[in-house]
Amino acid sequence: MSNPASDVVKKFLDALAQGSFTDEYIDRHIEYISLNRSNPELAEILPWAGTHNGPVEFKKFFGEMLQAWDFLEFQIDTIFGEAEKVAVIGHFTYQSKVVKKITRSPFAIFIKVQDGKIRHFQFFEDTYDTAASFRRTGQWSIENAVGVRTVGV
C-alpha cells in the first residue's frame, strides 16, 4: 500500500540520485537538521551540521557535501511511513576530495511531509567515521569506564 508522504520522499531522493535538486518537493518553511540541533565543535569539522531553515539553506547543505566528498555509493535500503512521517534507512560510501579517505556509513533520515512537500528533514549517520574522512593526523586522550588510552594517529 502506497503512502503519499513516502511517495514524495522517494521522488525527491530519486531526483537527487540523478544529480538533480528540485524545489518541487520542498516546503518554503523546511527545517533541516544534520546530525543534531547544534554542536559548534562538530560544525568546525562538518560545516553543515546543526539546524538550518528554508530552501536556500537546505540546498546549501547539498552543495557543501558535494564540495567535500565524491559520492561513491548512496543506497536506500527501505522507505516506510505513516501519515506525514517517513523514515529512510540505507548506507553510503563517500571519499573526501582533499584527504582522499573513504567513509562507509549507515544512515537514517526522518522526514515530515506536509501538503505534498518536505517540511522537516533530519539526517543521521556514523558521524565519527564521516568526520574522520577529513582527518590528516591527531590523537585523542580518552578516559571512560574501560580506562585511559590514546587513540588516533
N, C-alpha and C. Protein backbone atom coordinates (compact mmCIF):
# COMPACT_ATOMS: atom_id res chain seq x y z
N MET A 1 0.84 -1.17 0.00
CA MET A 1 0.00 0.00 0.00
C MET A 1 0.89 1.24 0.00
N SER A 2 0.59 2.17 -0.88
CA SER A 2 1.39 3.37 -1.03
C SER A 2 0.99 4.42 0.01
N ASN A 3 1.98 5.17 0.46
CA ASN A 3 1.76 6.27 1.39
C ASN A 3 2.14 7.55 0.64
N PRO A 4 1.22 8.54 0.51
CA PRO A 4 1.54 9.76 -0.24
C PRO A 4 2.82 10.46 0.23
N ALA A 5 3.05 10.52 1.54
CA ALA A 5 4.26 11.17 2.05
C ALA A 5 5.51 10.39 1.62
N SER A 6 5.46 9.07 1.70
CA SER A 6 6.59 8.24 1.26
C SER A 6 6.85 8.43 -0.23
N ASP A 7 5.79 8.58 -1.01
CA ASP A 7 5.94 8.79 -2.46
C ASP A 7 6.67 10.10 -2.75
N VAL A 8 6.34 11.16 -2.00
CA VAL A 8 7.03 12.45 -2.17
C VAL A 8 8.51 12.29 -1.86
N VAL A 9 8.83 11.64 -0.76
CA VAL A 9 10.23 11.45 -0.36
C VAL A 9 10.98 10.63 -1.41
N LYS A 10 10.36 9.57 -1.88
CA LYS A 10 11.00 8.72 -2.91
C LYS A 10 11.30 9.53 -4.16
N LYS A 11 10.35 10.34 -4.62
CA LYS A 11 10.58 11.16 -5.81
C LYS A 11 11.72 12.15 -5.59
N PHE A 12 11.76 12.78 -4.41
CA PHE A 12 12.81 13.73 -4.10
C PHE A 12 14.18 13.04 -4.10
N LEU A 13 14.28 11.90 -3.41
CA LEU A 13 15.56 11.19 -3.33
C LEU A 13 15.97 10.61 -4.68
N ASP A 14 15.02 10.17 -5.48
CA ASP A 14 15.34 9.68 -6.83
C ASP A 14 15.93 10.80 -7.68
N ALA A 15 15.36 12.01 -7.57
CA ALA A 15 15.90 13.15 -8.32
C ALA A 15 17.31 13.47 -7.86
N LEU A 16 17.55 13.42 -6.54
CA LEU A 16 18.91 13.67 -6.02
C LEU A 16 19.89 12.63 -6.55
N ALA A 17 19.46 11.37 -6.59
CA ALA A 17 20.34 10.30 -7.08
C ALA A 17 20.73 10.53 -8.54
N GLN A 18 19.88 11.24 -9.26
CA GLN A 18 20.17 11.56 -10.66
C GLN A 18 20.95 12.87 -10.79
N GLY A 19 21.33 13.46 -9.65
CA GLY A 19 22.11 14.69 -9.64
C GLY A 19 21.28 15.95 -9.79
N SER A 20 19.98 15.85 -9.52
CA SER A 20 19.09 16.99 -9.70
C SER A 20 18.43 17.35 -8.37
N PHE A 21 18.63 18.59 -7.95
CA PHE A 21 17.94 19.07 -6.76
C PHE A 21 16.74 19.87 -7.24
N THR A 22 15.56 19.49 -6.82
CA THR A 22 14.35 20.17 -7.26
C THR A 22 13.61 20.78 -6.08
N ASP A 23 13.15 22.01 -6.26
CA ASP A 23 12.35 22.69 -5.24
C ASP A 23 10.92 22.17 -5.20
N GLU A 24 10.54 21.39 -6.17
CA GLU A 24 9.17 20.92 -6.31
C GLU A 24 8.64 20.26 -5.04
N TYR A 25 9.51 19.57 -4.31
CA TYR A 25 9.09 18.80 -3.14
C TYR A 25 9.48 19.44 -1.81
N ILE A 26 9.96 20.70 -1.85
CA ILE A 26 10.48 21.35 -0.65
C ILE A 26 9.54 22.46 -0.20
N ASP A 27 9.10 22.40 1.05
CA ASP A 27 8.27 23.43 1.65
C ASP A 27 9.11 24.68 1.91
N ARG A 28 8.52 25.84 1.75
CA ARG A 28 9.29 27.08 1.95
C ARG A 28 9.70 27.29 3.40
N HIS A 29 9.12 26.53 4.32
CA HIS A 29 9.48 26.63 5.74
C HIS A 29 10.24 25.38 6.21
N ILE A 30 10.91 24.71 5.32
CA ILE A 30 11.60 23.47 5.68
C ILE A 30 12.60 23.71 6.81
N GLU A 31 12.64 22.75 7.72
CA GLU A 31 13.66 22.72 8.77
C GLU A 31 14.55 21.53 8.46
N TYR A 32 15.84 21.80 8.29
CA TYR A 32 16.79 20.73 8.01
C TYR A 32 17.72 20.61 9.22
N ILE A 33 17.85 19.39 9.73
CA ILE A 33 18.76 19.13 10.85
C ILE A 33 19.75 18.07 10.41
N SER A 34 21.01 18.43 10.42
CA SER A 34 22.07 17.48 10.12
C SER A 34 22.68 17.03 11.44
N LEU A 35 22.43 15.79 11.80
CA LEU A 35 23.02 15.11 12.94
C LEU A 35 22.44 15.53 14.28
N ASN A 36 22.44 16.82 14.59
CA ASN A 36 21.87 17.29 15.85
C ASN A 36 21.48 18.75 15.69
N ARG A 37 20.76 19.26 16.64
CA ARG A 37 20.28 20.64 16.51
C ARG A 37 21.40 21.67 16.54
N SER A 38 22.43 21.46 17.38
CA SER A 38 23.52 22.42 17.47
C SER A 38 24.71 21.78 18.17
N ASN A 39 25.86 21.85 17.53
CA ASN A 39 27.11 21.38 18.12
C ASN A 39 28.24 22.16 17.44
N PRO A 40 28.64 23.30 17.99
CA PRO A 40 29.66 24.14 17.35
C PRO A 40 30.97 23.42 17.05
N GLU A 41 31.39 22.51 17.93
CA GLU A 41 32.64 21.78 17.68
C GLU A 41 32.50 20.87 16.47
N LEU A 42 31.38 20.18 16.35
CA LEU A 42 31.15 19.34 15.19
C LEU A 42 31.04 20.17 13.91
N ALA A 43 30.43 21.34 13.99
CA ALA A 43 30.30 22.22 12.83
C ALA A 43 31.65 22.72 12.32
N GLU A 44 32.68 22.69 13.17
CA GLU A 44 34.04 23.02 12.72
C GLU A 44 34.54 21.98 11.72
N ILE A 45 34.12 20.73 11.91
CA ILE A 45 34.55 19.63 11.04
C ILE A 45 33.57 19.44 9.89
N LEU A 46 32.28 19.43 10.22
CA LEU A 46 31.21 19.23 9.24
C LEU A 46 30.37 20.52 9.26
N PRO A 47 30.69 21.50 8.40
CA PRO A 47 30.05 22.82 8.48
C PRO A 47 28.53 22.80 8.35
N TRP A 48 28.00 21.78 7.77
CA TRP A 48 26.55 21.69 7.57
C TRP A 48 25.82 21.11 8.79
N ALA A 49 26.55 20.66 9.79
CA ALA A 49 25.92 20.09 10.99
C ALA A 49 25.11 21.16 11.72
N GLY A 50 23.99 20.74 12.27
CA GLY A 50 23.15 21.65 13.02
C GLY A 50 21.82 21.89 12.33
N THR A 51 21.11 22.91 12.78
CA THR A 51 19.78 23.23 12.28
C THR A 51 19.84 24.36 11.26
N HIS A 52 19.14 24.16 10.16
CA HIS A 52 19.07 25.16 9.08
C HIS A 52 17.62 25.27 8.64
N ASN A 53 17.22 26.47 8.29
CA ASN A 53 15.83 26.70 7.92
C ASN A 53 15.71 27.33 6.54
N GLY A 54 14.72 26.86 5.80
CA GLY A 54 14.41 27.41 4.49
C GLY A 54 15.09 26.66 3.36
N PRO A 55 14.54 26.78 2.16
CA PRO A 55 15.07 26.07 0.99
C PRO A 55 16.49 26.47 0.60
N VAL A 56 16.86 27.73 0.81
CA VAL A 56 18.22 28.17 0.45
C VAL A 56 19.25 27.42 1.30
N GLU A 57 19.01 27.34 2.60
CA GLU A 57 19.92 26.62 3.50
C GLU A 57 19.92 25.12 3.20
N PHE A 58 18.77 24.59 2.84
CA PHE A 58 18.67 23.17 2.50
C PHE A 58 19.50 22.85 1.26
N LYS A 59 19.40 23.68 0.25
CA LYS A 59 20.21 23.49 -0.97
C LYS A 59 21.69 23.67 -0.68
N LYS A 60 22.02 24.64 0.17
CA LYS A 60 23.41 24.91 0.53
C LYS A 60 24.07 23.66 1.12
N PHE A 61 23.30 22.94 1.97
CA PHE A 61 23.80 21.71 2.56
C PHE A 61 24.28 20.74 1.48
N PHE A 62 23.46 20.51 0.48
CA PHE A 62 23.83 19.56 -0.58
C PHE A 62 25.04 20.05 -1.37
N GLY A 63 25.12 21.35 -1.60
CA GLY A 63 26.29 21.92 -2.29
C GLY A 63 27.57 21.73 -1.50
N GLU A 64 27.50 21.95 -0.19
CA GLU A 64 28.69 21.78 0.65
C GLU A 64 29.14 20.33 0.69
N MET A 65 28.18 19.41 0.74
CA MET A 65 28.55 17.99 0.73
C MET A 65 29.22 17.61 -0.59
N LEU A 66 28.72 18.13 -1.69
CA LEU A 66 29.32 17.82 -3.00
C LEU A 66 30.72 18.41 -3.12
N GLN A 67 31.00 19.51 -2.42
CA GLN A 67 32.34 20.08 -2.41
C GLN A 67 33.29 19.25 -1.54
N ALA A 68 32.74 18.59 -0.53
CA ALA A 68 33.56 17.87 0.45
C ALA A 68 33.88 16.44 0.03
N TRP A 69 32.91 15.76 -0.59
CA TRP A 69 33.06 14.33 -0.88
C TRP A 69 32.66 14.00 -2.31
N ASP A 70 33.27 12.95 -2.82
CA ASP A 70 32.77 12.27 -4.02
C ASP A 70 31.87 11.16 -3.53
N PHE A 71 30.67 11.10 -4.04
CA PHE A 71 29.71 10.08 -3.63
C PHE A 71 29.96 8.82 -4.45
N LEU A 72 30.48 7.80 -3.81
CA LEU A 72 30.77 6.54 -4.49
C LEU A 72 29.55 5.62 -4.49
N GLU A 73 28.75 5.71 -3.43
CA GLU A 73 27.52 4.91 -3.34
C GLU A 73 26.57 5.60 -2.36
N PHE A 74 25.30 5.62 -2.70
CA PHE A 74 24.25 6.07 -1.80
C PHE A 74 23.09 5.12 -2.03
N GLN A 75 22.91 4.20 -1.12
CA GLN A 75 21.95 3.11 -1.31
C GLN A 75 20.81 3.22 -0.30
N ILE A 76 19.60 3.31 -0.80
CA ILE A 76 18.43 3.29 0.06
C ILE A 76 18.00 1.84 0.21
N ASP A 77 17.94 1.38 1.46
CA ASP A 77 17.53 0.01 1.72
C ASP A 77 16.02 -0.10 1.93
N THR A 78 15.42 0.92 2.57
CA THR A 78 13.98 0.89 2.79
C THR A 78 13.45 2.29 3.05
N ILE A 79 12.22 2.49 2.64
CA ILE A 79 11.47 3.71 2.96
C ILE A 79 10.13 3.25 3.49
N PHE A 80 9.73 3.81 4.63
CA PHE A 80 8.40 3.47 5.13
C PHE A 80 7.83 4.69 5.84
N GLY A 81 6.51 4.74 5.91
CA GLY A 81 5.89 5.90 6.51
C GLY A 81 4.52 5.62 7.07
N GLU A 82 4.11 6.54 7.91
CA GLU A 82 2.77 6.53 8.48
C GLU A 82 2.30 7.97 8.50
N ALA A 83 1.22 8.23 7.83
CA ALA A 83 0.68 9.59 7.71
C ALA A 83 1.76 10.50 7.12
N GLU A 84 2.10 11.60 7.81
CA GLU A 84 3.07 12.55 7.26
C GLU A 84 4.52 12.21 7.60
N LYS A 85 4.75 11.19 8.40
CA LYS A 85 6.10 10.84 8.87
C LYS A 85 6.68 9.73 8.00
N VAL A 86 7.95 9.92 7.58
CA VAL A 86 8.62 8.96 6.71
C VAL A 86 10.02 8.70 7.26
N ALA A 87 10.44 7.44 7.22
CA ALA A 87 11.80 7.06 7.60
C ALA A 87 12.48 6.42 6.39
N VAL A 88 13.73 6.76 6.22
CA VAL A 88 14.55 6.20 5.14
C VAL A 88 15.78 5.60 5.81
N ILE A 89 16.09 4.35 5.47
CA ILE A 89 17.25 3.67 6.02
C ILE A 89 18.12 3.21 4.86
N GLY A 90 19.43 3.37 5.00
CA GLY A 90 20.33 2.95 3.93
C GLY A 90 21.78 3.01 4.36
N HIS A 91 22.66 3.08 3.37
CA HIS A 91 24.09 3.20 3.63
C HIS A 91 24.74 3.96 2.48
N PHE A 92 25.91 4.52 2.76
CA PHE A 92 26.63 5.25 1.72
C PHE A 92 28.13 4.99 1.84
N THR A 93 28.82 5.30 0.75
CA THR A 93 30.27 5.32 0.70
C THR A 93 30.67 6.62 0.02
N TYR A 94 31.45 7.44 0.73
CA TYR A 94 31.94 8.71 0.19
C TYR A 94 33.47 8.70 0.27
N GLN A 95 34.10 9.51 -0.57
CA GLN A 95 35.54 9.72 -0.47
C GLN A 95 35.78 11.22 -0.35
N SER A 96 36.52 11.62 0.70
CA SER A 96 36.81 13.04 0.87
C SER A 96 37.68 13.52 -0.28
N LYS A 97 37.36 14.68 -0.82
CA LYS A 97 38.04 15.17 -2.01
C LYS A 97 39.47 15.61 -1.75
N VAL A 98 39.76 16.12 -0.56
CA VAL A 98 41.11 16.62 -0.28
C VAL A 98 42.00 15.54 0.31
N VAL A 99 41.54 14.88 1.37
CA VAL A 99 42.36 13.90 2.08
C VAL A 99 42.31 12.53 1.39
N LYS A 100 41.27 12.31 0.60
CA LYS A 100 41.08 11.06 -0.17
C LYS A 100 40.79 9.85 0.70
N LYS A 101 40.24 10.08 1.90
CA LYS A 101 39.84 8.96 2.76
C LYS A 101 38.41 8.55 2.43
N ILE A 102 38.17 7.27 2.48
CA ILE A 102 36.84 6.73 2.21
C ILE A 102 36.11 6.51 3.53
N THR A 103 34.86 6.88 3.55
CA THR A 103 33.99 6.63 4.70
C THR A 103 32.80 5.81 4.23
N ARG A 104 32.45 4.82 5.04
CA ARG A 104 31.27 3.99 4.79
C ARG A 104 30.39 4.09 6.02
N SER A 105 29.13 4.37 5.81
CA SER A 105 28.27 4.59 6.97
C SER A 105 26.84 4.16 6.68
N PRO A 106 26.17 3.62 7.68
CA PRO A 106 24.72 3.50 7.58
C PRO A 106 24.14 4.90 7.76
N PHE A 107 22.93 5.11 7.28
CA PHE A 107 22.26 6.38 7.53
C PHE A 107 20.78 6.15 7.78
N ALA A 108 20.18 7.13 8.42
CA ALA A 108 18.74 7.17 8.61
C ALA A 108 18.30 8.61 8.39
N ILE A 109 17.14 8.77 7.78
CA ILE A 109 16.57 10.10 7.58
C ILE A 109 15.15 10.06 8.12
N PHE A 110 14.82 11.05 8.93
CA PHE A 110 13.45 11.21 9.42
C PHE A 110 12.88 12.44 8.73
N ILE A 111 11.76 12.26 8.06
CA ILE A 111 11.18 13.32 7.24
C ILE A 111 9.70 13.48 7.59
N LYS A 112 9.25 14.74 7.59
CA LYS A 112 7.83 15.02 7.70
C LYS A 112 7.39 15.75 6.43
N VAL A 113 6.30 15.28 5.87
CA VAL A 113 5.75 15.87 4.65
C VAL A 113 4.43 16.54 5.01
N GLN A 114 4.26 17.76 4.52
CA GLN A 114 3.02 18.49 4.78
C GLN A 114 2.53 19.07 3.45
N ASP A 115 1.29 18.78 3.11
CA ASP A 115 0.69 19.26 1.86
C ASP A 115 1.55 18.91 0.64
N GLY A 116 2.10 17.70 0.63
CA GLY A 116 2.86 17.22 -0.52
C GLY A 116 4.28 17.74 -0.63
N LYS A 117 4.77 18.42 0.42
CA LYS A 117 6.13 18.96 0.40
C LYS A 117 6.87 18.59 1.68
N ILE A 118 8.18 18.46 1.56
CA ILE A 118 9.01 18.10 2.72
C ILE A 118 9.15 19.33 3.61
N ARG A 119 8.71 19.17 4.86
CA ARG A 119 8.71 20.27 5.83
C ARG A 119 9.82 20.12 6.87
N HIS A 120 10.21 18.88 7.16
CA HIS A 120 11.24 18.58 8.17
C HIS A 120 12.10 17.44 7.61
N PHE A 121 13.42 17.59 7.71
CA PHE A 121 14.36 16.61 7.17
C PHE A 121 15.51 16.50 8.16
N GLN A 122 15.65 15.35 8.81
CA GLN A 122 16.74 15.16 9.77
C GLN A 122 17.56 13.95 9.35
N PHE A 123 18.87 14.16 9.19
CA PHE A 123 19.79 13.15 8.67
C PHE A 123 20.71 12.66 9.79
N PHE A 124 20.84 11.34 9.89
CA PHE A 124 21.72 10.70 10.89
C PHE A 124 22.71 9.80 10.17
N GLU A 125 23.94 9.75 10.66
CA GLU A 125 24.98 8.91 10.06
C GLU A 125 25.99 8.54 11.14
N ASP A 126 26.99 7.76 10.78
CA ASP A 126 28.11 7.47 11.67
C ASP A 126 29.02 8.70 11.63
N THR A 127 28.75 9.65 12.50
CA THR A 127 29.43 10.93 12.49
C THR A 127 30.93 10.80 12.72
N TYR A 128 31.31 9.90 13.58
CA TYR A 128 32.74 9.72 13.85
C TYR A 128 33.47 9.34 12.56
N ASP A 129 32.92 8.39 11.81
CA ASP A 129 33.57 7.93 10.59
C ASP A 129 33.56 9.00 9.50
N THR A 130 32.45 9.71 9.33
CA THR A 130 32.42 10.74 8.29
C THR A 130 33.37 11.88 8.63
N ALA A 131 33.42 12.30 9.88
CA ALA A 131 34.35 13.36 10.28
C ALA A 131 35.80 12.89 10.10
N ALA A 132 36.06 11.63 10.39
CA ALA A 132 37.41 11.09 10.26
C ALA A 132 37.89 11.09 8.80
N SER A 133 36.97 11.15 7.85
CA SER A 133 37.39 11.17 6.44
C SER A 133 38.13 12.46 6.10
N PHE A 134 38.06 13.48 6.97
CA PHE A 134 38.79 14.74 6.76
C PHE A 134 40.05 14.84 7.62
N ARG A 135 40.29 13.87 8.46
CA ARG A 135 41.38 13.92 9.43
C ARG A 135 42.71 13.53 8.79
N ARG A 136 43.69 14.37 8.98
CA ARG A 136 45.04 14.05 8.50
C ARG A 136 45.85 13.37 9.61
N THR A 137 45.89 14.01 10.78
CA THR A 137 46.65 13.47 11.92
C THR A 137 45.99 13.92 13.21
N GLY A 138 46.48 13.41 14.30
CA GLY A 138 46.00 13.87 15.60
C GLY A 138 45.63 12.72 16.51
N GLN A 139 45.73 12.97 17.80
CA GLN A 139 45.40 11.95 18.79
C GLN A 139 44.41 12.51 19.79
N TRP A 140 43.65 11.60 20.38
CA TRP A 140 42.75 11.94 21.47
C TRP A 140 43.21 11.17 22.69
N SER A 141 43.16 11.81 23.84
CA SER A 141 43.35 11.12 25.09
C SER A 141 41.95 10.82 25.62
N ILE A 142 41.62 9.54 25.73
CA ILE A 142 40.27 9.10 26.08
C ILE A 142 40.28 8.50 27.48
N GLU A 143 39.27 8.88 28.27
CA GLU A 143 39.08 8.24 29.57
C GLU A 143 37.60 7.90 29.70
N ASN A 144 37.35 6.60 29.94
CA ASN A 144 35.98 6.14 30.15
C ASN A 144 36.01 4.98 31.14
N ALA A 145 34.93 4.24 31.26
CA ALA A 145 34.86 3.14 32.22
C ALA A 145 35.90 2.06 31.97
N VAL A 146 36.39 1.97 30.74
CA VAL A 146 37.39 0.96 30.37
C VAL A 146 38.78 1.39 30.83
N GLY A 147 39.00 2.71 30.92
CA GLY A 147 40.30 3.20 31.34
C GLY A 147 40.69 4.41 30.54
N VAL A 148 42.00 4.72 30.59
CA VAL A 148 42.55 5.87 29.88
C VAL A 148 43.44 5.32 28.76
N ARG A 149 43.32 5.89 27.58
CA ARG A 149 44.18 5.48 26.48
C ARG A 149 44.24 6.59 25.44
N THR A 150 45.19 6.50 24.55
CA THR A 150 45.33 7.44 23.45
C THR A 150 44.94 6.72 22.17
N VAL A 151 44.12 7.40 21.36
CA VAL A 151 43.69 6.83 20.09
C VAL A 151 44.03 7.79 18.98
N GLY A 152 44.15 7.26 17.77
CA GLY A 152 44.42 8.09 16.60
C GLY A 152 45.88 8.04 16.21
N VAL A 153 46.12 8.66 15.11
CA VAL A 153 47.47 8.68 14.54
C VAL A 153 47.99 10.10 14.52
